[in-house]
mmCIF file of all heavy atoms, coordinates in Angstrom:
data_MODEL
# 
_entry.id   MODEL 
# 
loop_
_atom_site.group_PDB 
_atom_site.id 
_atom_site.type_symbol 
_atom_site.label_atom_id 
_atom_site.label_alt_id 
_atom_site.label_comp_id 
_atom_site.label_asym_id 
_atom_site.label_entity_id 
_atom_site.label_seq_id 
_atom_site.pdbx_PDB_ins_code 
_atom_site.Cartn_x 
_atom_site.Cartn_y 
_atom_site.Cartn_z 
_atom_site.occupancy 
_atom_site.B_iso_or_equiv 
_atom_site.pdbx_formal_charge 
_atom_site.auth_seq_id 
_atom_site.auth_comp_id 
_atom_site.auth_asym_id 
_atom_site.auth_atom_id 
_atom_site.pdbx_PDB_model_num 
ATOM 1   N N   . ILE A 1 1  ? 117.846 105.697 88.959 1.00 0.00 ? 1  ILE A N   1 
ATOM 2   C CA  . ILE A 1 1  ? 116.647 104.877 88.766 1.00 0.00 ? 1  ILE A CA  1 
ATOM 3   C C   . ILE A 1 1  ? 117.018 103.437 88.419 1.00 0.00 ? 1  ILE A C   1 
ATOM 4   O O   . ILE A 1 1  ? 117.877 103.183 87.567 1.00 0.00 ? 1  ILE A O   1 
ATOM 5   C CB  . ILE A 1 1  ? 115.751 105.480 87.656 1.00 0.00 ? 1  ILE A CB  1 
ATOM 6   C CG1 . ILE A 1 1  ? 115.224 106.846 88.096 1.00 0.00 ? 1  ILE A CG1 1 
ATOM 7   C CG2 . ILE A 1 1  ? 114.604 104.543 87.303 1.00 0.00 ? 1  ILE A CG2 1 
ATOM 8   C CD1 . ILE A 1 1  ? 114.313 106.814 89.317 1.00 0.00 ? 1  ILE A CD1 1 
ATOM 9   N N   . MET A 1 2  ? 116.339 102.479 89.086 1.00 0.00 ? 2  MET A N   1 
ATOM 10  C CA  . MET A 1 2  ? 116.560 101.057 88.877 1.00 0.00 ? 2  MET A CA  1 
ATOM 11  C C   . MET A 1 2  ? 115.434 100.432 88.059 1.00 0.00 ? 2  MET A C   1 
ATOM 12  O O   . MET A 1 2  ? 114.256 100.738 88.278 1.00 0.00 ? 2  MET A O   1 
ATOM 13  C CB  . MET A 1 2  ? 116.609 100.305 90.220 1.00 0.00 ? 2  MET A CB  1 
ATOM 14  C CG  . MET A 1 2  ? 117.474 100.936 91.273 1.00 0.00 ? 2  MET A CG  1 
ATOM 15  S SD  . MET A 1 2  ? 119.207 100.754 90.890 1.00 0.00 ? 2  MET A SD  1 
ATOM 16  C CE  . MET A 1 2  ? 119.894 101.960 92.004 1.00 0.00 ? 2  MET A CE  1 
ATOM 17  N N   . SER A 1 3  ? 115.811 99.548  87.153 1.00 0.00 ? 3  SER A N   1 
ATOM 18  C CA  . SER A 1 3  ? 114.851 98.645  86.524 1.00 0.00 ? 3  SER A CA  1 
ATOM 19  C C   . SER A 1 3  ? 115.126 97.261  87.099 1.00 0.00 ? 3  SER A C   1 
ATOM 20  O O   . SER A 1 3  ? 116.291 96.856  87.244 1.00 0.00 ? 3  SER A O   1 
ATOM 21  C CB  . SER A 1 3  ? 115.025 98.630  85.001 1.00 0.00 ? 3  SER A CB  1 
ATOM 22  O OG  . SER A 1 3  ? 114.750 99.904  84.449 1.00 0.00 ? 3  SER A OG  1 
ATOM 23  N N   . VAL A 1 4  ? 114.064 96.532  87.458 1.00 0.00 ? 4  VAL A N   1 
ATOM 24  C CA  . VAL A 1 4  ? 114.226 95.239  88.122 1.00 0.00 ? 4  VAL A CA  1 
ATOM 25  C C   . VAL A 1 4  ? 113.397 94.167  87.424 1.00 0.00 ? 4  VAL A C   1 
ATOM 26  O O   . VAL A 1 4  ? 112.442 94.476  86.703 1.00 0.00 ? 4  VAL A O   1 
ATOM 27  C CB  . VAL A 1 4  ? 113.817 95.319  89.614 1.00 0.00 ? 4  VAL A CB  1 
ATOM 28  C CG1 . VAL A 1 4  ? 114.699 96.297  90.366 1.00 0.00 ? 4  VAL A CG1 1 
ATOM 29  C CG2 . VAL A 1 4  ? 112.352 95.714  89.761 1.00 0.00 ? 4  VAL A CG2 1 
ATOM 30  N N   . ASP A 1 5  ? 113.773 92.899  87.666 1.00 0.00 ? 5  ASP A N   1 
ATOM 31  C CA  . ASP A 1 5  ? 112.981 91.792  87.135 1.00 0.00 ? 5  ASP A CA  1 
ATOM 32  C C   . ASP A 1 5  ? 111.930 91.376  88.151 1.00 0.00 ? 5  ASP A C   1 
ATOM 33  O O   . ASP A 1 5  ? 111.716 92.061  89.174 1.00 0.00 ? 5  ASP A O   1 
ATOM 34  C CB  . ASP A 1 5  ? 113.887 90.630  86.731 1.00 0.00 ? 5  ASP A CB  1 
ATOM 35  C CG  . ASP A 1 5  ? 114.651 90.021  87.911 1.00 0.00 ? 5  ASP A CG  1 
ATOM 36  O OD1 . ASP A 1 5  ? 114.264 90.273  89.085 1.00 0.00 ? 5  ASP A OD1 1 
ATOM 37  O OD2 . ASP A 1 5  ? 115.628 89.293  87.681 1.00 0.00 ? 5  ASP A OD2 1 
ATOM 38  N N   . GLU A 1 6  ? 111.284 90.243  87.890 1.00 0.00 ? 6  GLU A N   1 
ATOM 39  C CA  . GLU A 1 6  ? 110.184 89.813  88.764 1.00 0.00 ? 6  GLU A CA  1 
ATOM 40  C C   . GLU A 1 6  ? 110.657 89.435  90.160 1.00 0.00 ? 6  GLU A C   1 
ATOM 41  O O   . GLU A 1 6  ? 109.856 89.367  91.109 1.00 0.00 ? 6  GLU A O   1 
ATOM 42  C CB  . GLU A 1 6  ? 109.443 88.625  88.130 1.00 0.00 ? 6  GLU A CB  1 
ATOM 43  C CG  . GLU A 1 6  ? 110.263 87.364  87.977 1.00 0.00 ? 6  GLU A CG  1 
ATOM 44  C CD  . GLU A 1 6  ? 111.120 87.356  86.710 1.00 0.00 ? 6  GLU A CD  1 
ATOM 45  O OE1 . GLU A 1 6  ? 111.188 88.410  86.031 1.00 0.00 ? 6  GLU A OE1 1 
ATOM 46  O OE2 . GLU A 1 6  ? 111.711 86.302  86.413 1.00 0.00 ? 6  GLU A OE2 1 
ATOM 47  N N   . ASN A 1 7  ? 111.965 89.220  90.338 1.00 0.00 ? 7  ASN A N   1 
ATOM 48  C CA  . ASN A 1 7  ? 112.518 88.884  91.651 1.00 0.00 ? 7  ASN A CA  1 
ATOM 49  C C   . ASN A 1 7  ? 113.210 90.071  92.313 1.00 0.00 ? 7  ASN A C   1 
ATOM 50  O O   . ASN A 1 7  ? 113.945 89.898  93.288 1.00 0.00 ? 7  ASN A O   1 
ATOM 51  C CB  . ASN A 1 7  ? 113.500 87.722  91.510 1.00 0.00 ? 7  ASN A CB  1 
ATOM 52  C CG  . ASN A 1 7  ? 112.831 86.453  91.026 1.00 0.00 ? 7  ASN A CG  1 
ATOM 53  O OD1 . ASN A 1 7  ? 111.762 86.078  91.511 1.00 0.00 ? 7  ASN A OD1 1 
ATOM 54  N ND2 . ASN A 1 7  ? 113.444 85.793  90.047 1.00 0.00 ? 7  ASN A ND2 1 
ATOM 55  N N   . ASP A 1 8  ? 112.975 91.242  91.782 1.00 0.00 ? 8  ASP A N   1 
ATOM 56  C CA  . ASP A 1 8  ? 113.601 92.482  92.273 1.00 0.00 ? 8  ASP A CA  1 
ATOM 57  C C   . ASP A 1 8  ? 115.119 92.454  92.176 1.00 0.00 ? 8  ASP A C   1 
ATOM 58  O O   . ASP A 1 8  ? 115.824 93.093  92.968 1.00 0.00 ? 8  ASP A O   1 
ATOM 59  C CB  . ASP A 1 8  ? 113.171 92.783  93.719 1.00 0.00 ? 8  ASP A CB  1 
ATOM 60  C CG  . ASP A 1 8  ? 111.854 93.565  93.773 1.00 0.00 ? 8  ASP A CG  1 
ATOM 61  O OD1 . ASP A 1 8  ? 111.398 94.035  92.716 1.00 0.00 ? 8  ASP A OD1 1 
ATOM 62  O OD2 . ASP A 1 8  ? 111.289 93.695  94.872 1.00 0.00 ? 8  ASP A OD2 1 
ATOM 63  N N   . MET A 1 9  ? 115.622 91.744  91.186 1.00 0.00 ? 9  MET A N   1 
ATOM 64  C CA  . MET A 1 9  ? 117.046 91.830  90.870 1.00 0.00 ? 9  MET A CA  1 
ATOM 65  C C   . MET A 1 9  ? 117.224 92.935  89.834 1.00 0.00 ? 9  MET A C   1 
ATOM 66  O O   . MET A 1 9  ? 116.439 93.058  88.891 1.00 0.00 ? 9  MET A O   1 
ATOM 67  C CB  . MET A 1 9  ? 117.581 90.494  90.336 1.00 0.00 ? 9  MET A CB  1 
ATOM 68  C CG  . MET A 1 9  ? 117.380 89.332  91.305 1.00 0.00 ? 9  MET A CG  1 
ATOM 69  S SD  . MET A 1 9  ? 118.051 89.624  92.974 1.00 0.00 ? 9  MET A SD  1 
ATOM 70  C CE  . MET A 1 9  ? 119.810 89.604  92.621 1.00 0.00 ? 9  MET A CE  1 
ATOM 71  N N   . ILE A 1 10 ? 118.250 93.744  90.026 1.00 0.00 ? 10 ILE A N   1 
ATOM 72  C CA  . ILE A 1 10 ? 118.437 94.925  89.190 1.00 0.00 ? 10 ILE A CA  1 
ATOM 73  C C   . ILE A 1 10 ? 118.952 94.521  87.807 1.00 0.00 ? 10 ILE A C   1 
ATOM 74  O O   . ILE A 1 10 ? 119.945 93.787  87.685 1.00 0.00 ? 10 ILE A O   1 
ATOM 75  C CB  . ILE A 1 10 ? 119.423 95.905  89.852 1.00 0.00 ? 10 ILE A CB  1 
ATOM 76  C CG1 . ILE A 1 10 ? 118.851 96.379  91.208 1.00 0.00 ? 10 ILE A CG1 1 
ATOM 77  C CG2 . ILE A 1 10 ? 119.699 97.104  88.954 1.00 0.00 ? 10 ILE A CG2 1 
ATOM 78  C CD1 . ILE A 1 10 ? 119.846 97.119  92.073 1.00 0.00 ? 10 ILE A CD1 1 
ATOM 79  N N   . THR A 1 11 ? 118.266 94.994  86.781 1.00 0.00 ? 11 THR A N   1 
ATOM 80  C CA  . THR A 1 11 ? 118.659 94.706  85.404 1.00 0.00 ? 11 THR A CA  1 
ATOM 81  C C   . THR A 1 11 ? 119.255 95.923  84.701 1.00 0.00 ? 11 THR A C   1 
ATOM 82  O O   . THR A 1 11 ? 119.970 95.786  83.715 1.00 0.00 ? 11 THR A O   1 
ATOM 83  C CB  . THR A 1 11 ? 117.449 94.212  84.595 1.00 0.00 ? 11 THR A CB  1 
ATOM 84  O OG1 . THR A 1 11 ? 116.422 95.224  84.616 1.00 0.00 ? 11 THR A OG1 1 
ATOM 85  C CG2 . THR A 1 11 ? 116.897 92.921  85.179 1.00 0.00 ? 11 THR A CG2 1 
ATOM 86  N N   . GLU A 1 12 ? 118.933 97.109  85.227 1.00 0.00 ? 12 GLU A N   1 
ATOM 87  C CA  . GLU A 1 12 ? 119.422 98.323  84.588 1.00 0.00 ? 12 GLU A CA  1 
ATOM 88  C C   . GLU A 1 12 ? 119.461 99.441  85.615 1.00 0.00 ? 12 GLU A C   1 
ATOM 89  O O   . GLU A 1 12 ? 118.612 99.503  86.509 1.00 0.00 ? 12 GLU A O   1 
ATOM 90  C CB  . GLU A 1 12 ? 118.505 98.705  83.421 1.00 0.00 ? 12 GLU A CB  1 
ATOM 91  C CG  . GLU A 1 12 ? 119.044 99.797  82.518 1.00 0.00 ? 12 GLU A CG  1 
ATOM 92  C CD  . GLU A 1 12 ? 118.148 100.039 81.309 1.00 0.00 ? 12 GLU A CD  1 
ATOM 93  O OE1 . GLU A 1 12 ? 117.281 99.189  81.019 1.00 0.00 ? 12 GLU A OE1 1 
ATOM 94  O OE2 . GLU A 1 12 ? 118.320 101.087 80.659 1.00 0.00 ? 12 GLU A OE2 1 
ATOM 95  N N   . PHE A 1 13 ? 120.444 100.306 85.468 1.00 0.00 ? 13 PHE A N   1 
ATOM 96  C CA  . PHE A 1 13 ? 120.568 101.459 86.360 1.00 0.00 ? 13 PHE A CA  1 
ATOM 97  C C   . PHE A 1 13 ? 120.875 102.693 85.520 1.00 0.00 ? 13 PHE A C   1 
ATOM 98  O O   . PHE A 1 13 ? 121.736 102.656 84.641 1.00 0.00 ? 13 PHE A O   1 
ATOM 99  C CB  . PHE A 1 13 ? 121.691 101.246 87.384 1.00 0.00 ? 13 PHE A CB  1 
ATOM 100 C CG  . PHE A 1 13 ? 121.967 102.446 88.250 1.00 0.00 ? 13 PHE A CG  1 
ATOM 101 C CD1 . PHE A 1 13 ? 121.182 102.708 89.361 1.00 0.00 ? 13 PHE A CD1 1 
ATOM 102 C CD2 . PHE A 1 13 ? 122.994 103.335 87.945 1.00 0.00 ? 13 PHE A CD2 1 
ATOM 103 C CE1 . PHE A 1 13 ? 121.428 103.820 90.159 1.00 0.00 ? 13 PHE A CE1 1 
ATOM 104 C CE2 . PHE A 1 13 ? 123.244 104.444 88.730 1.00 0.00 ? 13 PHE A CE2 1 
ATOM 105 C CZ  . PHE A 1 13 ? 122.454 104.685 89.840 1.00 0.00 ? 13 PHE A CZ  1 
ATOM 106 N N   . ALA A 1 14 ? 120.165 103.784 85.790 1.00 0.00 ? 14 ALA A N   1 
ATOM 107 C CA  . ALA A 1 14 ? 120.410 105.042 85.090 1.00 0.00 ? 14 ALA A CA  1 
ATOM 108 C C   . ALA A 1 14 ? 120.479 106.171 86.109 1.00 0.00 ? 14 ALA A C   1 
ATOM 109 O O   . ALA A 1 14 ? 119.579 106.323 86.944 1.00 0.00 ? 14 ALA A O   1 
ATOM 110 C CB  . ALA A 1 14 ? 119.314 105.308 84.060 1.00 0.00 ? 14 ALA A CB  1 
ATOM 111 N N   . GLU A 1 15 ? 121.543 106.952 86.048 1.00 0.00 ? 15 GLU A N   1 
ATOM 112 C CA  . GLU A 1 15 ? 121.732 108.068 86.978 1.00 0.00 ? 15 GLU A CA  1 
ATOM 113 C C   . GLU A 1 15 ? 121.022 109.310 86.449 1.00 0.00 ? 15 GLU A C   1 
ATOM 114 O O   . GLU A 1 15 ? 121.398 109.865 85.414 1.00 0.00 ? 15 GLU A O   1 
ATOM 115 C CB  . GLU A 1 15 ? 123.228 108.351 87.166 1.00 0.00 ? 15 GLU A CB  1 
ATOM 116 C CG  . GLU A 1 15 ? 123.538 109.457 88.154 1.00 0.00 ? 15 GLU A CG  1 
ATOM 117 C CD  . GLU A 1 15 ? 123.255 109.089 89.595 1.00 0.00 ? 15 GLU A CD  1 
ATOM 118 O OE1 . GLU A 1 15 ? 123.116 107.893 89.896 1.00 0.00 ? 15 GLU A OE1 1 
ATOM 119 O OE2 . GLU A 1 15 ? 123.173 110.001 90.436 1.00 0.00 ? 15 GLU A OE2 1 
ATOM 120 N N   . LYS A 1 16 ? 119.932 109.698 87.112 1.00 0.00 ? 16 LYS A N   1 
ATOM 121 C CA  . LYS A 1 16 ? 119.151 110.890 86.758 1.00 0.00 ? 16 LYS A CA  1 
ATOM 122 C C   . LYS A 1 16 ? 118.792 110.929 85.261 1.00 0.00 ? 16 LYS A C   1 
ATOM 123 O O   . LYS A 1 16 ? 119.148 111.859 84.545 1.00 0.00 ? 16 LYS A O   1 
ATOM 124 C CB  . LYS A 1 16 ? 119.901 112.161 87.159 1.00 0.00 ? 16 LYS A CB  1 
ATOM 125 C CG  . LYS A 1 16 ? 120.160 112.250 88.660 1.00 0.00 ? 16 LYS A CG  1 
ATOM 126 C CD  . LYS A 1 16 ? 120.903 113.516 89.052 1.00 0.00 ? 16 LYS A CD  1 
ATOM 127 C CE  . LYS A 1 16 ? 121.138 113.556 90.559 1.00 0.00 ? 16 LYS A CE  1 
ATOM 128 N NZ  . LYS A 1 16 ? 121.881 114.763 90.983 1.00 0.00 ? 16 LYS A NZ  1 
ATOM 129 N N   . PRO A 1 17 ? 118.063 109.904 84.798 1.00 0.00 ? 17 PRO A N   1 
ATOM 130 C CA  . PRO A 1 17 ? 117.730 109.829 83.366 1.00 0.00 ? 17 PRO A CA  1 
ATOM 131 C C   . PRO A 1 17 ? 116.690 110.874 82.961 1.00 0.00 ? 17 PRO A C   1 
ATOM 132 O O   . PRO A 1 17 ? 115.787 111.199 83.730 1.00 0.00 ? 17 PRO A O   1 
ATOM 133 C CB  . PRO A 1 17 ? 117.162 108.417 83.213 1.00 0.00 ? 17 PRO A CB  1 
ATOM 134 C CG  . PRO A 1 17 ? 116.570 108.120 84.566 1.00 0.00 ? 17 PRO A CG  1 
ATOM 135 C CD  . PRO A 1 17 ? 117.485 108.783 85.560 1.00 0.00 ? 17 PRO A CD  1 
ATOM 136 N N   . LYS A 1 18 ? 116.809 111.388 81.750 1.00 0.00 ? 18 LYS A N   1 
ATOM 137 C CA  . LYS A 1 18 ? 115.831 112.352 81.244 1.00 0.00 ? 18 LYS A CA  1 
ATOM 138 C C   . LYS A 1 18 ? 114.487 111.684 80.990 1.00 0.00 ? 18 LYS A C   1 
ATOM 139 O O   . LYS A 1 18 ? 113.438 112.301 81.181 1.00 0.00 ? 18 LYS A O   1 
ATOM 140 C CB  . LYS A 1 18 ? 116.355 113.008 79.968 1.00 0.00 ? 18 LYS A CB  1 
ATOM 141 C CG  . LYS A 1 18 ? 117.551 113.924 80.194 1.00 0.00 ? 18 LYS A CG  1 
ATOM 142 C CD  . LYS A 1 18 ? 117.982 114.599 78.896 1.00 0.00 ? 18 LYS A CD  1 
ATOM 143 C CE  . LYS A 1 18 ? 119.166 115.533 79.126 1.00 0.00 ? 18 LYS A CE  1 
ATOM 144 N NZ  . LYS A 1 18 ? 119.605 116.182 77.858 1.00 0.00 ? 18 LYS A NZ  1 
ATOM 145 N N   . GLU A 1 19 ? 114.534 110.431 80.543 1.00 0.00 ? 19 GLU A N   1 
ATOM 146 C CA  . GLU A 1 19 ? 113.312 109.663 80.287 1.00 0.00 ? 19 GLU A CA  1 
ATOM 147 C C   . GLU A 1 19 ? 113.382 108.359 81.071 1.00 0.00 ? 19 GLU A C   1 
ATOM 148 O O   . GLU A 1 19 ? 113.782 107.319 80.539 1.00 0.00 ? 19 GLU A O   1 
ATOM 149 C CB  . GLU A 1 19 ? 113.139 109.404 78.789 1.00 0.00 ? 19 GLU A CB  1 
ATOM 150 C CG  . GLU A 1 19 ? 112.976 110.680 77.970 1.00 0.00 ? 19 GLU A CG  1 
ATOM 151 C CD  . GLU A 1 19 ? 112.773 110.399 76.498 1.00 0.00 ? 19 GLU A CD  1 
ATOM 152 O OE1 . GLU A 1 19 ? 112.703 109.205 76.120 1.00 0.00 ? 19 GLU A OE1 1 
ATOM 153 O OE2 . GLU A 1 19 ? 112.676 111.369 75.719 1.00 0.00 ? 19 GLU A OE2 1 
ATOM 154 N N   . PRO A 1 20 ? 113.013 108.383 82.346 1.00 0.00 ? 20 PRO A N   1 
ATOM 155 C CA  . PRO A 1 20 ? 113.153 107.190 83.195 1.00 0.00 ? 20 PRO A CA  1 
ATOM 156 C C   . PRO A 1 20 ? 112.252 106.042 82.752 1.00 0.00 ? 20 PRO A C   1 
ATOM 157 O O   . PRO A 1 20 ? 111.117 106.246 82.332 1.00 0.00 ? 20 PRO A O   1 
ATOM 158 C CB  . PRO A 1 20 ? 112.748 107.698 84.586 1.00 0.00 ? 20 PRO A CB  1 
ATOM 159 C CG  . PRO A 1 20 ? 111.942 108.927 84.331 1.00 0.00 ? 20 PRO A CG  1 
ATOM 160 C CD  . PRO A 1 20 ? 112.481 109.539 83.085 1.00 0.00 ? 20 PRO A CD  1 
ATOM 161 N N   . LYS A 1 21 ? 112.800 104.827 82.845 1.00 0.00 ? 21 LYS A N   1 
ATOM 162 C CA  . LYS A 1 21 ? 112.037 103.630 82.506 1.00 0.00 ? 21 LYS A CA  1 
ATOM 163 C C   . LYS A 1 21 ? 111.309 103.052 83.716 1.00 0.00 ? 21 LYS A C   1 
ATOM 164 O O   . LYS A 1 21 ? 110.508 102.130 83.587 1.00 0.00 ? 21 LYS A O   1 
ATOM 165 C CB  . LYS A 1 21 ? 112.974 102.567 81.926 1.00 0.00 ? 21 LYS A CB  1 
ATOM 166 C CG  . LYS A 1 21 ? 113.657 102.975 80.631 1.00 0.00 ? 21 LYS A CG  1 
ATOM 167 C CD  . LYS A 1 21 ? 114.565 101.860 80.142 1.00 0.00 ? 21 LYS A CD  1 
ATOM 168 C CE  . LYS A 1 21 ? 115.276 102.250 78.853 1.00 0.00 ? 21 LYS A CE  1 
ATOM 169 N NZ  . LYS A 1 21 ? 116.179 101.157 78.380 1.00 0.00 ? 21 LYS A NZ  1 
ATOM 170 N N   . SER A 1 22 ? 111.621 103.578 84.887 1.00 0.00 ? 22 SER A N   1 
ATOM 171 C CA  . SER A 1 22 ? 111.049 103.071 86.136 1.00 0.00 ? 22 SER A CA  1 
ATOM 172 C C   . SER A 1 22 ? 110.929 104.230 87.111 1.00 0.00 ? 22 SER A C   1 
ATOM 173 O O   . SER A 1 22 ? 111.490 105.305 86.886 1.00 0.00 ? 22 SER A O   1 
ATOM 174 C CB  . SER A 1 22 ? 111.965 101.973 86.700 1.00 0.00 ? 22 SER A CB  1 
ATOM 175 O OG  . SER A 1 22 ? 111.719 101.730 88.068 1.00 0.00 ? 22 SER A OG  1 
ATOM 176 N N   . ASN A 1 23 ? 110.181 104.019 88.182 1.00 0.00 ? 23 ASN A N   1 
ATOM 177 C CA  . ASN A 1 23 ? 110.127 105.033 89.239 1.00 0.00 ? 23 ASN A CA  1 
ATOM 178 C C   . ASN A 1 23 ? 110.688 104.493 90.555 1.00 0.00 ? 23 ASN A C   1 
ATOM 179 O O   . ASN A 1 23 ? 110.403 105.007 91.624 1.00 0.00 ? 23 ASN A O   1 
ATOM 180 C CB  . ASN A 1 23 ? 108.699 105.541 89.441 1.00 0.00 ? 23 ASN A CB  1 
ATOM 181 C CG  . ASN A 1 23 ? 107.772 104.487 90.013 1.00 0.00 ? 23 ASN A CG  1 
ATOM 182 O OD1 . ASN A 1 23 ? 108.000 103.290 89.844 1.00 0.00 ? 23 ASN A OD1 1 
ATOM 183 N ND2 . ASN A 1 23 ? 106.720 104.926 90.675 1.00 0.00 ? 23 ASN A ND2 1 
ATOM 184 N N   . LEU A 1 24 ? 111.533 103.443 90.442 1.00 0.00 ? 24 LEU A N   1 
ATOM 185 C CA  . LEU A 1 24 ? 112.234 102.918 91.618 1.00 0.00 ? 24 LEU A CA  1 
ATOM 186 C C   . LEU A 1 24 ? 113.533 103.687 91.784 1.00 0.00 ? 24 LEU A C   1 
ATOM 187 O O   . LEU A 1 24 ? 114.482 103.529 91.013 1.00 0.00 ? 24 LEU A O   1 
ATOM 188 C CB  . LEU A 1 24 ? 112.540 101.424 91.439 1.00 0.00 ? 24 LEU A CB  1 
ATOM 189 C CG  . LEU A 1 24 ? 111.464 100.415 91.831 1.00 0.00 ? 24 LEU A CG  1 
ATOM 190 C CD1 . LEU A 1 24 ? 111.990 99.005  91.655 1.00 0.00 ? 24 LEU A CD1 1 
ATOM 191 C CD2 . LEU A 1 24 ? 110.991 100.620 93.258 1.00 0.00 ? 24 LEU A CD2 1 
# 
């Protein structure tokens, strides 16, 4: 799962997180 900023640049990446911060 990717977290991105307003320009769709990746700020965080989590591999199969139990509590995802994003649905990308």
